[in-house]
Amino acid sequence: MQPLPERAAVVDLAAIRHNVRRLAEIAAPAKVMAVVKADGYGHGALQTAQAALDGGAAWLGTAHVSEALALRASGIEAPLLAWLHTPQTDFAAAIEAGIDLGCSGWDLSHIVAAAREVQRPARVHLKVDTGLGRNGSTVQSWDQLIGEAVEYQDEGLLRVVGIFSHLAVADEPHRPETDHQLEVFREALALAEDAGIDPEVRHIANTPAAFTRPDTHFDLVRAGIGVYGLSPFADQRSDELGLTPAMTLQTRVANCKAVPAGQGVSYGLHYRTQGPSTLALIPMGYADGVPRIATGGPVRLGGKTYPVVGRIAMDQMVLDLGVQLDDAERLELVGAPAVLFGDGSDGGPLADDWASAAGTINYEIVTRISGRVPRIYIDSEAPVVGGGLPGAAT
């Protein structure tokens, strides 16, 4: 088998396709927008986008126009929405590239100015803040935004192709705020339609709402974390949702040595061995995106899972194997594969386990893996040729 680099985030494109097919199944008849912002949640925006489209996604979504432009420059022609802007956003380039633009109100004049500049109407999705308190027009300003948008639409400067919002607590299905947000969204839709707006797509649902709130699906479901096979729910694993984690983060043991009882480990010496033992050095740290705070995070080595002991450093972390190995056994471990997280199929750790250790969410764990870690793309559905990884590419 073709050897992997010293450290790698291995992304299975077949898992991406599977997850999108699963999301499309539960969202139907609504379509799926695969959200590939933040470099595809750390998985690689272009590779993820193509796999998502191959899996049945009808749309792609990014936060920034710059992300969307990069996809267009790479040959992606699918419908594409970008929604988080500043006055410095290159709206003109977006319009020329056929990128749909989210609009919260203040940005409407900038979008219209860009449309005049390039002499091409902008495709706009008006966003209403139904309760999240971030982007989007306030309910109080919604009438004004609709009115201005209709005027510009009548002038041929834009076309309102979408109305959307974002849910705040859909990952906690028992909470009533989602009901309130949905009610506000329906009222906002009615006002827009009364003003003569006939949108192509209405969308508010995210991954958790796709699974638990079919009444939020409308025409389009914006799926982010689910595309990458991770669960948005604290009490449900990926496999329980029919999803497959796409990323495996792995490296190789850099050193292995026998130590006496009481050996301190890493900065601060907050951990000491209970008895004579063996320490294995794992050459990844917070410069690679592993949270410094995540002492106790699991690493799979030789068919067993060990917690990280001591403080995680910039480039490395340490495992206490709990037993003394002889010289030959230690030497054999140097260079052995060590998996921080993967799909859990072998009983190994998940990104969720590192999220628990760090007191955060699985979204952050995969998204923060740094550029120092090469992304290796495989396709587990492709035939293995010449003894290498299935469809492997960097």
Protein backbone atom coordinates (compact mmCIF):
# COMPACT_ATOMS: atom_id res chain seq x y z
CA MET A 1 0.00 0.00 0.00
CA GLN A 2 1.21 3.49 -0.81
CA PRO A 3 2.68 5.03 2.38
CA LEU A 4 0.99 8.06 3.86
CA PRO A 5 2.92 11.19 4.91
CA GLU A 6 4.22 11.59 8.46
CA ARG A 7 0.93 13.25 9.31
CA ALA A 8 -2.24 13.50 7.25
CA ALA A 9 -5.91 14.33 7.26
CA VAL A 10 -7.27 11.58 5.04
CA VAL A 11 -10.62 12.56 3.50
CA ASP A 12 -12.83 9.88 1.99
CA LEU A 13 -14.80 11.44 -0.85
CA ALA A 14 -17.10 8.41 -0.92
CA ALA A 15 -18.18 9.34 2.61
CA ILE A 16 -19.01 12.87 1.44
CA ARG A 17 -21.16 11.49 -1.38
CA HIS A 18 -22.86 9.03 1.00
CA ASN A 19 -23.66 11.78 3.51
CA VAL A 20 -25.14 14.05 0.87
CA ARG A 21 -27.27 11.19 -0.45
CA ARG A 22 -28.48 10.58 3.10
CA LEU A 23 -29.28 14.26 3.62
CA ALA A 24 -31.05 14.44 0.26
CA GLU A 25 -33.14 11.45 1.27
CA ILE A 26 -34.39 13.03 4.48
CA ALA A 27 -34.76 16.53 3.00
CA ALA A 28 -36.81 15.47 -0.04
CA PRO A 29 -38.64 16.98 -1.79
CA ALA A 30 -36.47 19.94 -0.74
CA LYS A 31 -33.04 20.17 -2.35
CA VAL A 32 -29.71 20.16 -0.49
CA MET A 33 -27.21 23.00 -0.36
CA ALA A 34 -23.81 21.64 0.70
CA VAL A 35 -22.05 24.30 2.76
CA VAL A 36 -18.33 24.27 1.94
CA LYS A 37 -17.21 27.40 3.77
CA ALA A 38 -14.00 27.42 5.84
CA ASP A 39 -12.24 25.24 3.27
CA GLY A 40 -15.00 22.67 3.43
CA TYR A 41 -14.94 22.59 7.25
CA GLY A 42 -11.25 21.76 6.97
CA HIS A 43 -11.79 18.96 4.46
CA GLY A 44 -10.91 20.96 1.33
CA ALA A 45 -13.50 23.18 -0.35
CA LEU A 46 -13.02 22.18 -3.97
CA GLN A 47 -12.78 18.43 -3.36
CA THR A 48 -15.72 18.49 -0.97
CA ALA A 49 -17.81 20.60 -3.34
CA GLN A 50 -17.28 18.24 -6.24
CA ALA A 51 -18.01 15.16 -4.13
CA ALA A 52 -21.15 16.81 -2.71
CA LEU A 53 -22.40 17.62 -6.19
CA ASP A 54 -21.66 14.06 -7.27
CA GLY A 55 -23.71 12.90 -4.27
CA GLY A 56 -26.73 14.92 -5.32
CA ALA A 57 -26.31 18.39 -3.82
CA ALA A 58 -28.14 20.96 -5.94
CA TRP A 59 -26.46 24.04 -4.45
CA LEU A 60 -23.23 25.03 -2.74
CA GLY A 61 -22.85 27.60 0.01
CA THR A 62 -19.95 29.64 1.35
CA ALA A 63 -19.68 32.39 3.91
CA HIS A 64 -17.41 34.72 1.92
CA VAL A 65 -17.52 35.80 -1.69
CA SER A 66 -13.79 35.08 -1.92
CA GLU A 67 -14.48 31.43 -1.14
CA ALA A 68 -17.16 31.27 -3.81
CA LEU A 69 -14.93 32.96 -6.39
CA ALA A 70 -12.22 30.37 -5.75
CA LEU A 71 -14.71 27.61 -6.50
CA ARG A 72 -15.80 29.30 -9.72
CA ALA A 73 -12.16 29.74 -10.74
CA SER A 74 -11.67 25.99 -10.21
CA GLY A 75 -14.48 25.15 -12.62
CA ILE A 76 -17.47 24.71 -10.30
CA GLU A 77 -20.57 25.86 -12.17
CA ALA A 78 -23.34 24.80 -9.76
CA PRO A 79 -25.64 27.36 -8.09
CA LEU A 80 -23.57 29.03 -5.39
CA LEU A 81 -24.55 31.35 -2.54
CA ALA A 82 -22.30 33.57 -0.38
CA TRP A 83 -23.84 35.47 2.51
CA LEU A 84 -21.34 37.13 4.87
CA HIS A 85 -20.09 40.48 3.55
CA THR A 86 -18.30 43.67 4.50
CA PRO A 87 -18.12 46.93 2.53
CA GLN A 88 -14.86 45.62 1.03
CA THR A 89 -16.53 42.54 -0.48
CA ASP A 90 -16.01 42.25 -4.23
CA PHE A 91 -19.67 42.26 -5.18
CA ALA A 92 -18.92 43.06 -8.81
CA ALA A 93 -16.74 39.98 -9.24
CA ALA A 94 -19.42 37.88 -7.57
CA ILE A 95 -22.14 39.13 -9.91
CA GLU A 96 -19.96 38.57 -12.96
CA ALA A 97 -19.23 35.03 -11.76
CA GLY A 98 -22.92 34.24 -11.31
CA ILE A 99 -22.67 33.94 -7.53
CA ASP A 100 -25.88 34.51 -5.57
CA LEU A 101 -25.55 37.05 -2.76
CA GLY A 102 -27.16 36.99 0.64
CA CYS A 103 -28.47 40.44 1.58
CA SER A 104 -29.21 41.66 5.11
CA GLY A 105 -30.08 45.27 4.32
CA TRP A 106 -27.02 47.53 4.60
CA ASP A 107 -25.36 45.64 1.74
CA LEU A 108 -28.21 46.14 -0.75
CA SER A 109 -26.86 49.50 -1.97
CA HIS A 110 -23.39 47.99 -2.47
CA ILE A 111 -24.84 45.08 -4.45
CA VAL A 112 -26.88 47.44 -6.62
CA ALA A 113 -23.86 49.67 -7.26
CA ALA A 114 -21.88 46.62 -8.36
CA ALA A 115 -24.72 45.50 -10.63
CA ARG A 116 -24.72 48.91 -12.30
CA GLU A 117 -20.94 48.73 -12.70
CA VAL A 118 -20.94 45.35 -14.44
CA GLN A 119 -24.28 45.98 -16.20
CA ARG A 120 -25.67 42.68 -15.03
CA PRO A 121 -28.48 42.05 -12.53
CA ALA A 122 -27.50 40.53 -9.21
CA ARG A 123 -29.12 37.37 -7.90
CA VAL A 124 -30.09 38.14 -4.31
CA HIS A 125 -31.33 36.12 -1.34
CA LEU A 126 -32.87 38.43 1.25
CA LYS A 127 -32.09 37.35 4.80
CA VAL A 128 -34.32 37.98 7.79
CA ASP A 129 -33.11 37.63 11.36
CA THR A 130 -35.75 35.42 12.96
CA GLY A 131 -34.05 35.24 16.35
CA LEU A 132 -30.37 34.29 16.04
CA GLY A 133 -29.29 37.90 16.44
CA ARG A 134 -26.47 37.81 13.92
CA ASN A 135 -26.79 38.58 10.22
CA GLY A 136 -30.07 39.40 8.51
CA SER A 137 -32.57 42.20 8.48
CA THR A 138 -34.43 42.82 11.70
CA VAL A 139 -38.14 42.17 11.63
CA GLN A 140 -38.68 45.91 12.10
CA SER A 141 -36.65 46.71 8.95
CA TRP A 142 -37.98 43.87 6.82
CA ASP A 143 -40.74 45.88 5.11
CA GLN A 144 -38.26 48.56 4.11
CA LEU A 145 -35.77 46.01 2.73
CA ILE A 146 -38.49 44.30 0.72
CA GLY A 147 -39.68 47.59 -0.70
CA GLU A 148 -36.21 48.69 -1.77
CA ALA A 149 -35.44 45.28 -3.26
CA VAL A 150 -38.65 45.32 -5.29
CA GLU A 151 -37.83 48.78 -6.63
CA TYR A 152 -34.38 47.67 -7.73
CA GLN A 153 -35.86 44.49 -9.18
CA ASP A 154 -38.29 46.57 -11.23
CA GLU A 155 -35.30 48.56 -12.51
CA GLY A 156 -33.66 45.35 -13.66
CA LEU A 157 -30.71 45.68 -11.26
CA LEU A 158 -31.40 42.53 -9.30
CA ARG A 159 -33.63 39.50 -9.00
CA VAL A 160 -34.75 38.33 -5.57
CA VAL A 161 -34.27 34.60 -6.01
CA GLY A 162 -34.30 33.58 -2.36
CA ILE A 163 -35.59 34.36 1.12
CA PHE A 164 -33.69 32.80 4.02
CA SER A 165 -32.83 32.78 7.70
CA HIS A 166 -30.79 30.68 10.14
CA LEU A 167 -31.83 28.63 13.16
CA ALA A 168 -30.26 29.15 16.57
CA VAL A 169 -31.07 26.01 18.57
CA ALA A 170 -32.07 23.33 16.09
CA ASP A 171 -29.42 21.05 17.63
CA GLU A 172 -31.58 21.06 20.77
CA PRO A 173 -34.88 19.80 19.35
CA HIS A 174 -36.83 20.20 22.59
CA ARG A 175 -36.38 23.97 22.73
CA PRO A 176 -39.34 26.17 21.72
CA GLU A 177 -37.28 28.91 20.07
CA THR A 178 -37.24 27.00 16.78
CA ASP A 179 -41.04 27.16 16.68
CA HIS A 180 -40.85 30.92 17.20
CA GLN A 181 -38.22 31.37 14.51
CA LEU A 182 -40.27 29.34 12.07
CA GLU A 183 -43.35 31.45 12.80
CA VAL A 184 -41.38 34.67 12.19
CA PHE A 185 -39.95 33.23 8.97
CA ARG A 186 -43.38 32.33 7.64
CA GLU A 187 -44.60 35.86 8.39
CA ALA A 188 -41.57 37.32 6.61
CA LEU A 189 -42.25 35.11 3.59
CA ALA A 190 -45.87 36.23 3.48
CA LEU A 191 -44.85 39.90 3.54
CA ALA A 192 -42.36 39.33 0.71
CA GLU A 193 -44.90 37.48 -1.38
CA ASP A 194 -47.51 40.19 -0.76
CA ALA A 195 -44.98 42.68 -2.13
CA GLY A 196 -44.72 40.68 -5.35
CA ILE A 197 -41.58 38.68 -4.63
CA ASP A 198 -41.72 35.14 -5.98
CA PRO A 199 -38.50 33.47 -4.78
CA GLU A 200 -37.04 30.38 -6.38
CA VAL A 201 -35.93 29.06 -3.00
CA ARG A 202 -36.91 29.58 0.62
CA HIS A 203 -34.47 28.16 3.15
CA ILE A 204 -33.93 28.14 6.90
CA ALA A 205 -33.07 24.53 7.82
CA ASN A 206 -29.55 23.43 8.78
CA THR A 207 -28.26 19.90 9.39
CA PRO A 208 -30.02 19.34 12.74
CA ALA A 209 -33.30 20.71 11.42
CA ALA A 210 -32.98 18.45 8.39
CA PHE A 211 -33.20 15.49 10.75
CA THR A 212 -35.71 16.69 13.33
CA ARG A 213 -37.86 19.43 11.77
CA PRO A 214 -39.32 18.55 8.36
CA ASP A 215 -41.56 21.61 8.70
CA THR A 216 -38.45 23.77 8.21
CA HIS A 217 -37.32 22.19 4.93
CA PHE A 218 -39.18 24.47 2.49
CA ASP A 219 -37.34 24.41 -0.87
CA LEU A 220 -33.76 24.03 0.28
CA VAL A 221 -31.86 22.61 3.26
CA ARG A 222 -28.44 24.10 3.98
CA ALA A 223 -26.35 21.23 5.27
CA GLY A 224 -22.98 21.89 6.80
CA ILE A 225 -21.63 19.50 9.41
CA GLY A 226 -23.73 16.59 8.15
CA VAL A 227 -21.99 16.72 4.77
CA TYR A 228 -18.79 15.78 6.57
CA GLY A 229 -20.45 12.94 8.44
CA LEU A 230 -20.53 14.47 11.90
CA SER A 231 -23.52 14.64 14.19
CA PRO A 232 -24.84 18.05 15.26
CA PHE A 233 -26.48 16.51 18.33
CA ALA A 234 -24.81 16.05 21.71
CA ASP A 235 -26.66 12.80 22.36
CA GLN A 236 -26.46 11.10 18.95
CA ARG A 237 -23.51 9.67 17.09
CA SER A 238 -22.95 9.89 13.37
CA ASP A 239 -23.80 6.25 12.74
CA GLU A 240 -27.14 6.68 14.50
CA LEU A 241 -28.00 9.32 11.90
CA GLY A 242 -26.78 7.23 8.98
CA LEU A 243 -23.74 9.46 8.45
CA THR A 244 -20.09 8.51 7.97
CA PRO A 245 -17.27 10.79 9.21
CA ALA A 246 -15.16 11.67 6.18
CA MET A 247 -11.90 12.71 7.84
CA THR A 248 -9.30 10.51 9.52
CA LEU A 249 -6.52 12.41 11.29
CA GLN A 250 -3.42 10.31 11.66
CA THR A 251 0.31 10.42 12.12
CA ARG A 252 3.16 8.09 13.09
CA VAL A 253 4.92 7.51 16.41
CA ALA A 254 8.06 9.67 16.55
CA ASN A 255 9.73 8.14 19.61
CA CYS A 256 9.14 5.41 22.18
CA LYS A 257 11.06 5.04 25.41
CA ALA A 258 11.06 3.28 28.75
CA VAL A 259 10.67 5.52 31.81
CA PRO A 260 10.66 4.96 35.58
CA ALA A 261 7.82 5.56 37.98
CA GLY A 262 7.26 9.24 38.67
CA GLN A 263 8.49 10.42 35.28
CA GLY A 264 7.06 13.85 34.53
CA VAL A 265 5.53 14.44 31.12
CA SER A 266 5.51 17.67 29.06
CA TYR A 267 5.43 21.31 30.10
CA GLY A 268 4.45 21.97 33.68
CA LEU A 269 5.01 18.34 34.68
CA HIS A 270 1.33 18.06 35.62
CA TYR A 271 1.38 14.35 34.84
CA ARG A 272 3.71 11.70 36.25
CA THR A 273 3.79 8.00 35.52
CA GLN A 274 2.32 5.77 38.21
CA GLY A 275 4.92 3.04 37.69
CA PRO A 276 7.63 1.98 35.26
CA SER A 277 6.12 2.51 31.83
CA THR A 278 6.61 3.34 28.16
CA LEU A 279 5.96 6.74 26.64
CA ALA A 280 5.06 7.11 22.97
CA LEU A 281 5.63 10.48 21.32
CA ILE A 282 2.95 11.60 18.83
CA PRO A 283 4.25 14.33 16.47
CA MET A 284 1.17 16.54 16.32
CA GLY A 285 0.24 19.50 18.46
CA TYR A 286 -1.62 22.76 18.56
CA ALA A 287 0.24 24.08 15.49
CA ASP A 288 -1.47 21.24 13.64
CA GLY A 289 -4.84 22.29 15.03
CA VAL A 290 -5.02 19.87 17.97
CA PRO A 291 -6.51 21.85 20.88
CA ARG A 292 -3.88 22.56 23.55
CA ILE A 293 -6.54 22.20 26.21
CA ALA A 294 -7.51 18.67 25.14
CA THR A 295 -5.37 16.65 27.55
CA GLY A 296 -6.99 13.22 27.71
CA GLY A 297 -7.86 13.26 24.03
CA PRO A 298 -7.78 9.72 22.59
CA VAL A 299 -5.20 8.27 20.19
CA ARG A 300 -5.54 4.82 18.61
CA LEU A 301 -2.26 2.92 18.53
CA GLY A 302 -1.75 -0.78 17.88
CA GLY A 303 -5.45 -1.61 18.23
CA LYS A 304 -5.79 0.17 21.59
CA THR A 305 -6.90 3.67 22.49
CA TYR A 306 -4.77 5.71 24.87
CA PRO A 307 -5.44 9.15 26.37
CA VAL A 308 -2.95 11.95 25.82
CA VAL A 309 -1.11 12.66 29.07
CA GLY A 310 0.53 15.91 30.07
CA ARG A 311 0.17 19.17 28.25
CA ILE A 312 -0.25 19.17 24.47
CA ALA A 313 2.60 21.17 22.95
CA MET A 314 2.97 23.04 19.67
CA ASP A 315 4.23 20.04 17.72
CA GLN A 316 3.78 16.97 19.89
CA MET A 317 1.91 15.09 22.57
CA VAL A 318 2.61 12.02 24.68
CA LEU A 319 0.87 8.72 25.40
CA ASP A 320 1.55 6.63 28.51
CA LEU A 321 1.22 3.02 27.37
CA GLY A 322 1.00 1.81 30.98
CA VAL A 323 3.44 -1.08 30.57
CA GLN A 324 7.16 -1.47 30.06
CA LEU A 325 8.05 -2.71 26.60
CA ASP A 326 11.39 -4.26 25.75
CA ASP A 327 13.85 -2.70 23.31
CA ALA A 328 12.53 -4.59 20.29
CA GLU A 329 8.90 -3.75 21.04
CA ARG A 330 9.70 -0.06 21.47
CA LEU A 331 11.69 0.04 18.26
CA GLU A 332 8.80 -1.61 16.42
CA LEU A 333 6.42 1.08 17.63
CA VAL A 334 8.51 3.92 16.20
CA GLY A 335 6.82 4.81 12.90
CA ALA A 336 3.64 2.90 13.75
CA PRO A 337 0.35 4.57 12.66
CA ALA A 338 -1.42 6.61 15.32
CA VAL A 339 -5.00 7.77 14.67
CA LEU A 340 -6.44 10.73 16.54
CA PHE A 341 -9.90 10.35 15.05
CA GLY A 342 -11.66 8.71 12.15
CA ASP A 343 -14.97 7.07 11.34
CA GLY A 344 -14.97 4.86 14.44
CA SER A 345 -15.46 1.69 12.41
CA ASP A 346 -12.64 -0.10 14.25
CA GLY A 347 -13.73 1.11 17.66
CA GLY A 348 -11.30 4.00 17.40
CA PRO A 349 -11.88 7.59 18.49
CA LEU A 350 -14.12 10.12 16.78
CA ALA A 351 -13.81 13.87 16.37
CA ASP A 352 -16.58 14.00 18.98
CA ASP A 353 -14.21 12.48 21.55
CA TRP A 354 -11.65 15.22 20.96
CA ALA A 355 -14.45 17.79 21.18
CA SER A 356 -15.37 16.40 24.60
CA ALA A 357 -11.76 16.53 25.75
CA ALA A 358 -11.45 20.14 24.59
CA GLY A 359 -14.84 21.29 25.83
CA THR A 360 -15.95 22.26 22.33
CA ILE A 361 -17.88 20.84 19.37
CA ASN A 362 -16.87 18.49 16.57
CA TYR A 363 -17.29 21.34 14.05
CA GLU A 364 -14.28 23.09 15.58
CA ILE A 365 -12.14 19.96 15.78
CA VAL A 366 -12.19 19.26 12.04
CA THR A 367 -12.24 22.88 10.90
CA ARG A 368 -9.16 23.88 12.90
CA ILE A 369 -6.80 21.23 11.47
CA SER A 370 -4.04 23.44 10.12
CA GLY A 371 -2.53 23.72 6.69
CA ARG A 372 0.63 22.05 8.00
CA VAL A 373 -1.27 18.78 7.85
CA PRO A 374 -1.54 17.54 4.24
CA ARG A 375 -5.01 16.58 3.03
CA ILE A 376 -4.99 13.21 1.31
CA TYR A 377 -8.09 12.34 -0.72
CA ILE A 378 -9.24 8.78 -1.17
CA ASP A 379 -12.35 7.22 -2.63
CA SER A 380 -13.29 4.07 -0.76
CA GLU A 381 -15.82 3.23 -3.48
CA ALA A 382 -13.13 3.26 -6.18
CA PRO A 383 -11.21 0.10 -7.07
CA VAL A 384 -7.70 -0.18 -5.68
CA VAL A 385 -5.18 -0.09 -8.51
CA GLY A 386 -1.56 -1.17 -8.19
CA GLY A 387 -1.73 -1.80 -4.46
CA GLY A 388 -2.16 1.87 -3.57
CA LEU A 389 -4.81 3.71 -1.62
CA PRO A 390 -8.23 3.74 -3.35
CA GLY A 391 -8.29 6.82 -5.53
CA ALA A 392 -5.59 8.51 -3.42
CA ALA A 393 -4.58 12.07 -4.26
CA THR A 394 -3.18 15.04 -2.40
